[in-house]
């Protein structure tokens, strides 16, 4: 399993619009992607920062999403995100939800 972490700084008072955009625009796009498994979105208590983690069955599918769909996602988030989100990629080592154990 593979993960993409997107960290972003939200514009002032954009918390509710951000969550609405995730729910009505971003999640439907993700659900249409090959290999998409899950999305977790976190908001800082002060509403200034957010982190979104998407889980994928394989690195290739996450990379296809990054290349083909993520540019449109960035445009959808432009009204609520200040600056350019930072993206990092990971191989998932453990997950109780997805029943993944670290490889020895």
PDB file of N, CA and C in Angstrom:
ATOM      1  N   UNK A   1       0.852  -1.170   0.000  1.00  0.00           N
ATOM      2  CA  UNK A   1       0.000   0.000   0.000  1.00  0.00           C
ATOM      3  C   UNK A   1       0.898   1.233   0.000  1.00  0.00           C
ATOM      4  N   UNK A   2       0.397   2.293  -0.571  1.00  0.00           N
ATOM      5  CA  UNK A   2       1.154   3.519  -0.784  1.00  0.00           C
ATOM      6  C   UNK A   2       0.332   4.704  -0.272  1.00  0.00           C
ATOM      7  N   UNK A   3       0.999   5.723   0.226  1.00  0.00           N
ATOM      8  CA  UNK A   3       0.296   6.895   0.769  1.00  0.00           C
ATOM      9  C   UNK A   3       0.867   8.185   0.197  1.00  0.00           C
ATOM     10  N   UNK A   4      -0.011   9.148   0.000  1.00  0.00           N
ATOM     11  CA  UNK A   4       0.365  10.517  -0.364  1.00  0.00           C
ATOM     12  C   UNK A   4      -0.088  11.435   0.759  1.00  0.00           C
ATOM     13  N   UNK A   5       0.823  12.232   1.267  1.00  0.00           N
ATOM     14  CA  UNK A   5       0.501  13.207   2.313  1.00  0.00           C
ATOM     15  C   UNK A   5       0.586  14.601   1.691  1.00  0.00           C
ATOM     16  N   UNK A   6      -0.495  15.349   1.829  1.00  0.00           N
ATOM     17  CA  UNK A   6      -0.539  16.715   1.318  1.00  0.00           C
ATOM     18  C   UNK A   6      -0.773  17.632   2.509  1.00  0.00           C
ATOM     19  N   UNK A   7       0.211  18.478   2.801  1.00  0.00           N
ATOM     20  CA  UNK A   7       0.040  19.439   3.897  1.00  0.00           C
ATOM     21  C   UNK A   7      -0.161  20.817   3.292  1.00  0.00           C
ATOM     22  N   UNK A   8      -1.062  21.577   3.886  1.00  0.00           N
ATOM     23  CA  UNK A   8      -1.416  22.874   3.325  1.00  0.00           C
ATOM     24  C   UNK A   8      -1.782  23.869   4.402  1.00  0.00           C
ATOM     25  N   UNK A   9      -1.581  25.124   4.076  1.00  0.00           N
ATOM     26  CA  UNK A   9      -1.950  26.234   4.955  1.00  0.00           C
ATOM     27  C   UNK A   9      -3.244  26.819   4.392  1.00  0.00           C
ATOM     28  N   UNK A  10      -4.263  26.919   5.236  1.00  0.00           N
ATOM     29  CA  UNK A  10      -5.560  27.411   4.785  1.00  0.00           C
ATOM     30  C   UNK A  10      -5.644  28.927   4.889  1.00  0.00           C
ATOM     31  N   UNK A  11      -6.428  29.505   4.002  1.00  0.00           N
ATOM     32  CA  UNK A  11      -6.701  30.938   4.068  1.00  0.00           C
ATOM     33  C   UNK A  11      -7.529  31.215   5.315  1.00  0.00           C
ATOM     34  N   UNK A  12      -7.511  32.453   5.752  1.00  0.00           N
ATOM     35  CA  UNK A  12      -8.259  32.852   6.955  1.00  0.00           C
ATOM     36  C   UNK A  12      -9.737  32.511   6.803  1.00  0.00           C
ATOM     37  N   UNK A  13     -10.294  31.933   7.836  1.00  0.00           N
ATOM     38  CA  UNK A  13     -11.720  31.597   7.907  1.00  0.00           C
ATOM     39  C   UNK A  13     -12.194  30.667   6.783  1.00  0.00           C
ATOM     40  N   UNK A  14     -11.321  29.800   6.306  1.00  0.00           N
ATOM     41  CA  UNK A  14     -11.672  28.917   5.190  1.00  0.00           C
ATOM     42  C   UNK A  14     -11.976  27.491   5.628  1.00  0.00           C
ATOM     43  N   UNK A  15     -11.973  27.248   6.927  1.00  0.00           N
ATOM     44  CA  UNK A  15     -12.148  25.887   7.438  1.00  0.00           C
ATOM     45  C   UNK A  15     -13.402  25.193   6.896  1.00  0.00           C
ATOM     46  N   UNK A  16     -14.557  25.821   7.018  1.00  0.00           N
ATOM     47  CA  UNK A  16     -15.794  25.160   6.585  1.00  0.00           C
ATOM     48  C   UNK A  16     -15.855  25.013   5.066  1.00  0.00           C
ATOM     49  N   UNK A  17     -15.364  25.990   4.326  1.00  0.00           N
ATOM     50  CA  UNK A  17     -15.342  25.873   2.866  1.00  0.00           C
ATOM     51  C   UNK A  17     -14.362  24.776   2.439  1.00  0.00           C
ATOM     52  N   UNK A  18     -13.243  24.645   3.160  1.00  0.00           N
ATOM     53  CA  UNK A  18     -12.287  23.584   2.872  1.00  0.00           C
ATOM     54  C   UNK A  18     -12.939  22.215   3.038  1.00  0.00           C
ATOM     55  N   UNK A  19     -13.588  21.982   4.170  1.00  0.00           N
ATOM     56  CA  UNK A  19     -14.206  20.673   4.402  1.00  0.00           C
ATOM     57  C   UNK A  19     -15.321  20.392   3.395  1.00  0.00           C
ATOM     58  N   UNK A  20     -16.050  21.431   3.017  1.00  0.00           N
ATOM     59  CA  UNK A  20     -17.096  21.261   2.012  1.00  0.00           C
ATOM     60  C   UNK A  20     -16.485  20.893   0.661  1.00  0.00           C
ATOM     61  N   UNK A  21     -15.392  21.545   0.273  1.00  0.00           N
ATOM     62  CA  UNK A  21     -14.716  21.252  -0.992  1.00  0.00           C
ATOM     63  C   UNK A  21     -14.197  19.821  -1.006  1.00  0.00           C
ATOM     64  N   UNK A  22     -13.641  19.390   0.109  1.00  0.00           N
ATOM     65  CA  UNK A  22     -13.159  18.003   0.196  1.00  0.00           C
ATOM     66  C   UNK A  22     -14.329  17.042  -0.026  1.00  0.00           C
ATOM     67  N   UNK A  23     -15.423  17.271   0.664  1.00  0.00           N
ATOM     68  CA  UNK A  23     -16.568  16.364   0.620  1.00  0.00           C
ATOM     69  C   UNK A  23     -17.267  16.349  -0.739  1.00  0.00           C
ATOM     70  N   UNK A  24     -17.476  17.517  -1.332  1.00  0.00           N
ATOM     71  CA  UNK A  24     -18.300  17.589  -2.540  1.00  0.00           C
ATOM     72  C   UNK A  24     -17.514  17.543  -3.852  1.00  0.00           C
ATOM     73  N   UNK A  25     -16.215  17.835  -3.806  1.00  0.00           N
ATOM     74  CA  UNK A  25     -15.434  17.900  -5.031  1.00  0.00           C
ATOM     75  C   UNK A  25     -14.273  16.897  -5.053  1.00  0.00           C
ATOM     76  N   UNK A  26     -13.454  16.915  -4.005  1.00  0.00           N
ATOM     77  CA  UNK A  26     -12.234  16.106  -4.012  1.00  0.00           C
ATOM     78  C   UNK A  26     -12.537  14.617  -3.818  1.00  0.00           C
ATOM     79  N   UNK A  27     -13.331  14.272  -2.819  1.00  0.00           N
ATOM     80  CA  UNK A  27     -13.625  12.854  -2.581  1.00  0.00           C
ATOM     81  C   UNK A  27     -14.284  12.168  -3.782  1.00  0.00           C
ATOM     82  N   UNK A  28     -15.253  12.801  -4.453  1.00  0.00           N
ATOM     83  CA  UNK A  28     -15.797  12.148  -5.652  1.00  0.00           C
ATOM     84  C   UNK A  28     -14.746  11.900  -6.732  1.00  0.00           C
ATOM     85  N   UNK A  29     -13.787  12.820  -6.874  1.00  0.00           N
ATOM     86  CA  UNK A  29     -12.701  12.623  -7.846  1.00  0.00           C
ATOM     87  C   UNK A  29     -11.830  11.431  -7.432  1.00  0.00           C
ATOM     88  N   UNK A  30     -11.491  11.380  -6.147  1.00  0.00           N
ATOM     89  CA  UNK A  30     -10.648  10.291  -5.656  1.00  0.00           C
ATOM     90  C   UNK A  30     -11.315   8.934  -5.843  1.00  0.00           C
ATOM     91  N   UNK A  31     -12.595   8.862  -5.547  1.00  0.00           N
ATOM     92  CA  UNK A  31     -13.313   7.582  -5.645  1.00  0.00           C
ATOM     93  C   UNK A  31     -13.329   7.018  -7.059  1.00  0.00           C
ATOM     94  N   UNK A  32     -13.124   7.859  -8.058  1.00  0.00           N
ATOM     95  CA  UNK A  32     -13.097   7.418  -9.452  1.00  0.00           C
ATOM     96  C   UNK A  32     -11.719   6.925  -9.890  1.00  0.00           C
ATOM     97  N   UNK A  33     -10.709   7.088  -9.049  1.00  0.00           N
ATOM     98  CA  UNK A  33      -9.334   6.742  -9.424  1.00  0.00           C
ATOM     99  C   UNK A  33      -9.046   5.262  -9.205  1.00  0.00           C
ATOM    100  N   UNK A  34      -8.363   4.668 -10.153  1.00  0.00           N
ATOM    101  CA  UNK A  34      -7.930   3.277 -10.011  1.00  0.00           C
ATOM    102  C   UNK A  34      -6.995   3.152  -8.812  1.00  0.00           C
ATOM    103  N   UNK A  35      -7.265   2.181  -7.974  1.00  0.00           N
ATOM    104  CA  UNK A  35      -6.391   1.887  -6.854  1.00  0.00           C
ATOM    105  C   UNK A  35      -6.578   2.738  -5.622  1.00  0.00           C
ATOM    106  N   UNK A  36      -7.505   3.687  -5.647  1.00  0.00           N
ATOM    107  CA  UNK A  36      -7.748   4.520  -4.471  1.00  0.00           C
ATOM    108  C   UNK A  36      -8.376   3.666  -3.370  1.00  0.00           C
ATOM    109  N   UNK A  37      -7.848   3.789  -2.138  1.00  0.00           N
ATOM    110  CA  UNK A  37      -8.351   2.982  -1.027  1.00  0.00           C
ATOM    111  C   UNK A  37      -9.025   3.811   0.060  1.00  0.00           C
ATOM    112  N   UNK A  38      -8.471   4.984   0.401  1.00  0.00           N
ATOM    113  CA  UNK A  38      -9.009   5.737   1.530  1.00  0.00           C
ATOM    114  C   UNK A  38      -8.438   7.145   1.523  1.00  0.00           C
ATOM    115  N   UNK A  39      -9.141   8.055   2.179  1.00  0.00           N
ATOM    116  CA  UNK A  39      -8.690   9.438   2.368  1.00  0.00           C
ATOM    117  C   UNK A  39      -8.934   9.818   3.822  1.00  0.00           C
ATOM    118  N   UNK A  40      -7.927  10.386   4.440  1.00  0.00           N
ATOM    119  CA  UNK A  40      -8.021  10.920   5.798  1.00  0.00           C
ATOM    120  C   UNK A  40      -7.637  12.388   5.728  1.00  0.00           C
ATOM    121  N   UNK A  41      -8.465  13.244   6.280  1.00  0.00           N
ATOM    122  CA  UNK A  41      -8.170  14.677   6.270  1.00  0.00           C
ATOM    123  C   UNK A  41      -8.170  15.177   7.704  1.00  0.00           C
ATOM    124  N   UNK A  42      -7.132  15.913   8.051  1.00  0.00           N
ATOM    125  CA  UNK A  42      -6.956  16.435   9.407  1.00  0.00           C
ATOM    126  C   UNK A  42      -6.915  17.957   9.365  1.00  0.00           C
ATOM    127  N   UNK A  43      -7.554  18.587  10.337  1.00  0.00           N
ATOM    128  CA  UNK A  43      -7.520  20.044  10.473  1.00  0.00           C
ATOM    129  C   UNK A  43      -6.914  20.408  11.814  1.00  0.00           C
ATOM    130  N   UNK A  44      -6.011  21.393  11.809  1.00  0.00           N
ATOM    131  CA  UNK A  44      -5.460  21.896  13.067  1.00  0.00           C
ATOM    132  C   UNK A  44      -6.576  22.567  13.851  1.00  0.00           C
ATOM    133  N   UNK A  45      -6.465  22.541  15.175  1.00  0.00           N
ATOM    134  CA  UNK A  45      -7.501  23.111  16.036  1.00  0.00           C
ATOM    135  C   UNK A  45      -7.759  24.580  15.725  1.00  0.00           C
ATOM    136  N   UNK A  46      -6.721  25.306  15.318  1.00  0.00           N
ATOM    137  CA  UNK A  46      -6.898  26.728  15.018  1.00  0.00           C
ATOM    138  C   UNK A  46      -7.428  26.966  13.606  1.00  0.00           C
ATOM    139  N   UNK A  47      -7.604  25.913  12.806  1.00  0.00           N
ATOM    140  CA  UNK A  47      -8.155  26.034  11.470  1.00  0.00           C
ATOM    141  C   UNK A  47      -7.206  26.610  10.438  1.00  0.00           C
ATOM    142  N   UNK A  48      -5.932  26.714  10.773  1.00  0.00           N
ATOM    143  CA  UNK A  48      -4.978  27.332   9.847  1.00  0.00           C
ATOM    144  C   UNK A  48      -4.258  26.335   8.950  1.00  0.00           C
ATOM    145  N   UNK A  49      -4.178  25.098   9.381  1.00  0.00           N
ATOM    146  CA  UNK A  49      -3.437  24.096   8.620  1.00  0.00           C
ATOM    147  C   UNK A  49      -4.263  22.828   8.466  1.00  0.00           C
ATOM    148  N   UNK A  50      -3.992  22.116   7.379  1.00  0.00           N
ATOM    149  CA  UNK A  50      -4.676  20.856   7.115  1.00  0.00           C
ATOM    150  C   UNK A  50      -3.681  19.872   6.516  1.00  0.00           C
ATOM    151  N   UNK A  51      -3.954  18.599   6.743  1.00  0.00           N
ATOM    152  CA  UNK A  51      -3.175  17.514   6.154  1.00  0.00           C
ATOM    153  C   UNK A  51      -4.173  16.514   5.582  1.00  0.00           C
ATOM    154  N   UNK A  52      -3.917  16.097   4.360  1.00  0.00           N
ATOM    155  CA  UNK A  52      -4.751  15.078   3.722  1.00  0.00           C
ATOM    156  C   UNK A  52      -3.851  13.902   3.358  1.00  0.00           C
ATOM    157  N   UNK A  53      -4.270  12.712   3.734  1.00  0.00           N
ATOM    158  CA  UNK A  53      -3.513  11.506   3.422  1.00  0.00           C
ATOM    159  C   UNK A  53      -4.414  10.583   2.609  1.00  0.00           C
ATOM    160  N   UNK A  54      -3.965  10.289   1.409  1.00  0.00           N
ATOM    161  CA  UNK A  54      -4.706   9.339   0.581  1.00  0.00           C
ATOM    162  C   UNK A  54      -3.919   8.031   0.534  1.00  0.00           C
ATOM    163  N   UNK A  55      -4.650   6.934   0.560  1.00  0.00           N
ATOM    164  CA  UNK A  55      -4.052   5.602   0.523  1.00  0.00           C
ATOM    165  C   UNK A  55      -4.404   4.936  -0.797  1.00  0.00           C
ATOM    166  N   UNK A  56      -3.403   4.252  -1.356  1.00  0.00           N
ATOM    167  CA  UNK A  56      -3.506   3.657  -2.675  1.00  0.00           C
ATOM    168  C   UNK A  56      -3.022   2.214  -2.644  1.00  0.00           C
ATOM    169  N   UNK A  57      -3.555   1.396  -3.525  1.00  0.00           N
ATOM    170  CA  UNK A  57      -3.132  -0.003  -3.570  1.00  0.00           C
ATOM    171  C   UNK A  57      -1.694  -0.158  -4.051  1.00  0.00           C
ATOM    172  N   UNK A  58      -1.281   0.724  -4.988  1.00  0.00           N
ATOM    173  CA  UNK A  58       0.076   0.637  -5.548  1.00  0.00           C
ATOM    174  C   UNK A  58       0.613   2.029  -5.846  1.00  0.00           C
ATOM    175  N   UNK A  59       1.901   2.146  -5.831  1.00  0.00           N
ATOM    176  CA  UNK A  59       2.576   3.403  -6.125  1.00  0.00           C
ATOM    177  C   UNK A  59       2.204   3.926  -7.517  1.00  0.00           C
ATOM    178  N   UNK A  60       2.091   3.041  -8.483  1.00  0.00           N
ATOM    179  CA  UNK A  60       1.793   3.440  -9.853  1.00  0.00           C
ATOM    180  C   UNK A  60       0.450   4.159  -9.947  1.00  0.00           C
ATOM    181  N   UNK A  61      -0.550   3.696  -9.197  1.00  0.00           N
ATOM    182  CA  UNK A  61      -1.863   4.339  -9.230  1.00  0.00           C
ATOM    183  C   UNK A  61      -1.819   5.708  -8.563  1.00  0.00           C
ATOM    184  N   UNK A  62      -1.076   5.833  -7.469  1.00  0.00           N
ATOM    185  CA  UNK A  62      -0.925   7.129  -6.812  1.00  0.00           C
ATOM    186  C   UNK A  62      -0.210   8.112  -7.734  1.00  0.00           C
ATOM    187  N   UNK A  63       0.800   7.637  -8.444  1.00  0.00           N
ATOM    188  CA  UNK A  63       1.530   8.499  -9.369  1.00  0.00           C
ATOM    189  C   UNK A  63       0.666   8.910 -10.556  1.00  0.00           C
ATOM    190  N   UNK A  64      -0.172   8.021 -11.037  1.00  0.00           N
ATOM    191  CA  UNK A  64      -1.095   8.365 -12.129  1.00  0.00           C
ATOM    192  C   UNK A  64      -2.062   9.456 -11.672  1.00  0.00           C
ATOM    193  N   UNK A  65      -2.583   9.321 -10.457  1.00  0.00           N
ATOM    194  CA  UNK A  65      -3.453  10.360  -9.894  1.00  0.00           C
ATOM    195  C   UNK A  65      -2.705  11.690  -9.804  1.00  0.00           C
ATOM    196  N   UNK A  66      -1.479  11.662  -9.299  1.00  0.00           N
ATOM    197  CA  UNK A  66      -0.677  12.884  -9.168  1.00  0.00           C
ATOM    198  C   UNK A  66      -0.495  13.571 -10.505  1.00  0.00           C
ATOM    199  N   UNK A  67      -0.272  12.796 -11.509  1.00  0.00           N
ATOM    200  CA  UNK A  67       0.005  13.329 -12.843  1.00  0.00           C
ATOM    201  C   UNK A  67      -1.267  13.782 -13.562  1.00  0.00           C
ATOM    202  N   UNK A  68      -2.332  12.978 -13.472  1.00  0.00           N
ATOM    203  CA  UNK A  68      -3.507  13.204 -14.312  1.00  0.00           C
ATOM    204  C   UNK A  68      -4.648  13.975 -13.658  1.00  0.00           C
ATOM    205  N   UNK A  69      -4.839  13.836 -12.357  1.00  0.00           N
ATOM    206  CA  UNK A  69      -5.998  14.419 -11.683  1.00  0.00           C
ATOM    207  C   UNK A  69      -5.638  15.489 -10.666  1.00  0.00           C
ATOM    208  N   UNK A  70      -4.501  15.339 -10.003  1.00  0.00           N
ATOM    209  CA  UNK A  70      -4.127  16.270  -8.932  1.00  0.00           C
ATOM    210  C   UNK A  70      -4.068  17.733  -9.388  1.00  0.00           C
ATOM    211  N   UNK A  71      -3.640  18.057 -10.607  1.00  0.00           N
ATOM    212  CA  UNK A  71      -3.674  19.468 -11.024  1.00  0.00           C
ATOM    213  C   UNK A  71      -5.079  20.083 -10.937  1.00  0.00           C
ATOM    214  N   UNK A  72      -6.113  19.329 -11.270  1.00  0.00           N
ATOM    215  CA  UNK A  72      -7.491  19.827 -11.153  1.00  0.00           C
ATOM    216  C   UNK A  72      -7.898  19.966  -9.687  1.00  0.00           C
ATOM    217  N   UNK A  73      -7.402  19.072  -8.841  1.00  0.00           N
ATOM    218  CA  UNK A  73      -7.663  19.163  -7.400  1.00  0.00           C
ATOM    219  C   UNK A  73      -7.058  20.445  -6.839  1.00  0.00           C
ATOM    220  N   UNK A  74      -5.839  20.759  -7.252  1.00  0.00           N
ATOM    221  CA  UNK A  74      -5.207  22.003  -6.804  1.00  0.00           C
ATOM    222  C   UNK A  74      -6.038  23.219  -7.191  1.00  0.00           C
ATOM    223  N   UNK A  75      -6.588  23.210  -8.390  1.00  0.00           N
ATOM    224  CA  UNK A  75      -7.430  24.326  -8.830  1.00  0.00           C
ATOM    225  C   UNK A  75      -8.678  24.425  -7.958  1.00  0.00           C
ATOM    226  N   UNK A  76      -9.268  23.294  -7.614  1.00  0.00           N
ATOM    227  CA  UNK A  76     -10.469  23.294  -6.774  1.00  0.00           C
ATOM    228  C   UNK A  76     -10.172  23.821  -5.375  1.00  0.00           C
ATOM    229  N   UNK A  77      -8.957  23.574  -4.891  1.00  0.00           N
ATOM    230  CA  UNK A  77      -8.572  24.021  -3.545  1.00  0.00           C
ATOM    231  C   UNK A  77      -8.026  25.447  -3.502  1.00  0.00           C
ATOM    232  N   UNK A  78      -7.792  26.050  -4.655  1.00  0.00           N
ATOM    233  CA  UNK A  78      -7.143  27.362  -4.719  1.00  0.00           C
ATOM    234  C   UNK A  78      -7.890  28.442  -3.941  1.00  0.00           C
ATOM    235  N   UNK A  79      -9.194  28.327  -3.816  1.00  0.00           N
ATOM    236  CA  UNK A  79      -9.956  29.358  -3.104  1.00  0.00           C
ATOM    237  C   UNK A  79      -9.816  29.263  -1.589  1.00  0.00           C
ATOM    238  N   UNK A  80      -9.326  28.106  -1.099  1.00  0.00           N
ATOM    239  CA  UNK A  80      -9.230  27.918   0.357  1.00  0.00           C
ATOM    240  C   UNK A  80      -7.814  27.701   0.862  1.00  0.00           C
ATOM    241  N   UNK A  81      -6.887  27.417  -0.037  1.00  0.00           N
ATOM    242  CA  UNK A  81      -5.507  27.137   0.364  1.00  0.00           C
ATOM    243  C   UNK A  81      -4.621  28.332   0.040  1.00  0.00           C
ATOM    244  N   UNK A  82      -3.776  28.678   0.997  1.00  0.00           N
ATOM    245  CA  UNK A  82      -2.824  29.764   0.844  1.00  0.00           C
ATOM    246  C   UNK A  82      -1.471  29.176   0.468  1.00  0.00           C
ATOM    247  N   UNK A  83      -0.961  29.498  -0.715  1.00  0.00           N
ATOM    248  CA  UNK A  83       0.316  28.959  -1.155  1.00  0.00           C
ATOM    249  C   UNK A  83       0.155  27.609  -1.828  1.00  0.00           C
ATOM    250  N   UNK A  84       1.276  26.951  -2.019  1.00  0.00           N
ATOM    251  CA  UNK A  84       1.297  25.650  -2.688  1.00  0.00           C
ATOM    252  C   UNK A  84       1.383  24.526  -1.666  1.00  0.00           C
ATOM    253  N   UNK A  85       0.446  23.586  -1.710  1.00  0.00           N
ATOM    254  CA  UNK A  85       0.520  22.442  -0.796  1.00  0.00           C
ATOM    255  C   UNK A  85       1.807  21.648  -1.009  1.00  0.00           C
ATOM    256  N   UNK A  86       2.294  21.074   0.069  1.00  0.00           N
ATOM    257  CA  UNK A  86       3.491  20.243   0.020  1.00  0.00           C
ATOM    258  C   UNK A  86       3.067  18.779  -0.021  1.00  0.00           C
ATOM    259  N   UNK A  87       3.629  18.037  -0.969  1.00  0.00           N
ATOM    260  CA  UNK A  87       3.256  16.632  -1.159  1.00  0.00           C
ATOM    261  C   UNK A  87       4.455  15.747  -0.838  1.00  0.00           C
ATOM    262  N   UNK A  88       4.194  14.715  -0.054  1.00  0.00           N
ATOM    263  CA  UNK A  88       5.205  13.697   0.246  1.00  0.00           C
ATOM    264  C   UNK A  88       4.565  12.337   0.026  1.00  0.00           C
ATOM    265  N   UNK A  89       5.380  11.370  -0.367  1.00  0.00           N
ATOM    266  CA  UNK A  89       4.881  10.028  -0.642  1.00  0.00           C
ATOM    267  C   UNK A  89       5.558   9.023   0.279  1.00  0.00           C
ATOM    268  N   UNK A  90       4.810   7.980   0.626  1.00  0.00           N
ATOM    269  CA  UNK A  90       5.298   6.963   1.556  1.00  0.00           C
ATOM    270  C   UNK A  90       4.811   5.588   1.143  1.00  0.00           C
ATOM    271  N   UNK A  91       5.575   4.579   1.529  1.00  0.00           N
ATOM    272  CA  UNK A  91       5.083   3.216   1.497  1.00  0.00           C
ATOM    273  C   UNK A  91       4.463   2.971   2.864  1.00  0.00           C
ATOM    274  N   UNK A  92       3.268   2.410   2.909  1.00  0.00           N
ATOM    275  CA  UNK A  92       2.598   2.166   4.183  1.00  0.00           C
ATOM    276  C   UNK A  92       3.255   0.954   4.845  1.00  0.00           C
ATOM    277  N   UNK A  93       3.729   1.146   6.079  1.00  0.00           N
ATOM    278  CA  UNK A  93       4.395   0.074   6.812  1.00  0.00           C
ATOM    279  C   UNK A  93       3.423  -0.693   7.703  1.00  0.00           C
ATOM    280  N   UNK A  94       2.481   0.019   8.339  1.00  0.00           N
ATOM    281  CA  UNK A  94       1.519  -0.611   9.240  1.00  0.00           C
ATOM    282  C   UNK A  94       0.162   0.066   9.103  1.00  0.00           C
ATOM    283  N   UNK A  95      -0.881  -0.717   9.243  1.00  0.00           N
ATOM    284  CA  UNK A  95      -2.239  -0.187   9.300  1.00  0.00           C
ATOM    285  C   UNK A  95      -3.134  -1.228   9.942  1.00  0.00           C
ATOM    286  N   UNK A  96      -3.770  -0.866  11.042  1.00  0.00           N
ATOM    287  CA  UNK A  96      -4.716  -1.799  11.649  1.00  0.00           C
ATOM    288  C   UNK A  96      -5.995  -1.849  10.834  1.00  0.00           C
ATOM    289  N   UNK A  97      -6.388  -0.718  10.258  1.00  0.00           N
ATOM    290  CA  UNK A  97      -7.615  -0.666   9.474  1.00  0.00           C
ATOM    291  C   UNK A  97      -7.494  -1.496   8.197  1.00  0.00           C
ATOM    292  N   UNK A  98      -6.365  -1.372   7.519  1.00  0.00           N
ATOM    293  CA  UNK A  98      -6.158  -2.082   6.261  1.00  0.00           C
ATOM    294  C   UNK A  98      -5.424  -3.404   6.448  1.00  0.00           C
ATOM    295  N   UNK A  99      -5.178  -3.749   7.713  1.00  0.00           N
ATOM    296  CA  UNK A  99      -4.540  -5.020   8.073  1.00  0.00           C
ATOM    297  C   UNK A  99      -3.200  -5.220   7.363  1.00  0.00           C
ATOM    298  N   UNK A 100      -2.340  -4.201   7.504  1.00  0.00           N
ATOM    299  CA  UNK A 100      -0.997  -4.252   6.937  1.00  0.00           C
ATOM    300  C   UNK A 100      -0.013  -4.344   8.079  1.00  0.00           C
ATOM    301  N   UNK A 101       0.933  -5.261   7.977  1.00  0.00           N
ATOM    302  CA  UNK A 101       1.986  -5.400   8.992  1.00  0.00           C
ATOM    303  C   UNK A 101       3.332  -5.064   8.353  1.00  0.00           C
ATOM    304  N   UNK A 102       4.211  -4.536   9.161  1.00  0.00           N
ATOM    305  CA  UNK A 102       5.559  -4.194   8.682  1.00  0.00           C
ATOM    306  C   UNK A 102       6.245  -5.439   8.162  1.00  0.00           C
ATOM    307  N   UNK A 103       6.951  -5.278   7.064  1.00  0.00           N
ATOM    308  CA  UNK A 103       7.710  -6.384   6.486  1.00  0.00           C
ATOM    309  C   UNK A 103       9.060  -6.487   7.184  1.00  0.00           C
ATOM    310  N   UNK A 104       9.436  -7.686   7.572  1.00  0.00           N
ATOM    311  CA  UNK A 104      10.725  -7.893   8.263  1.00  0.00           C
ATOM    312  C   UNK A 104      11.839  -8.065   7.275  1.00  0.00           C
TER     313      UNK A 104
END
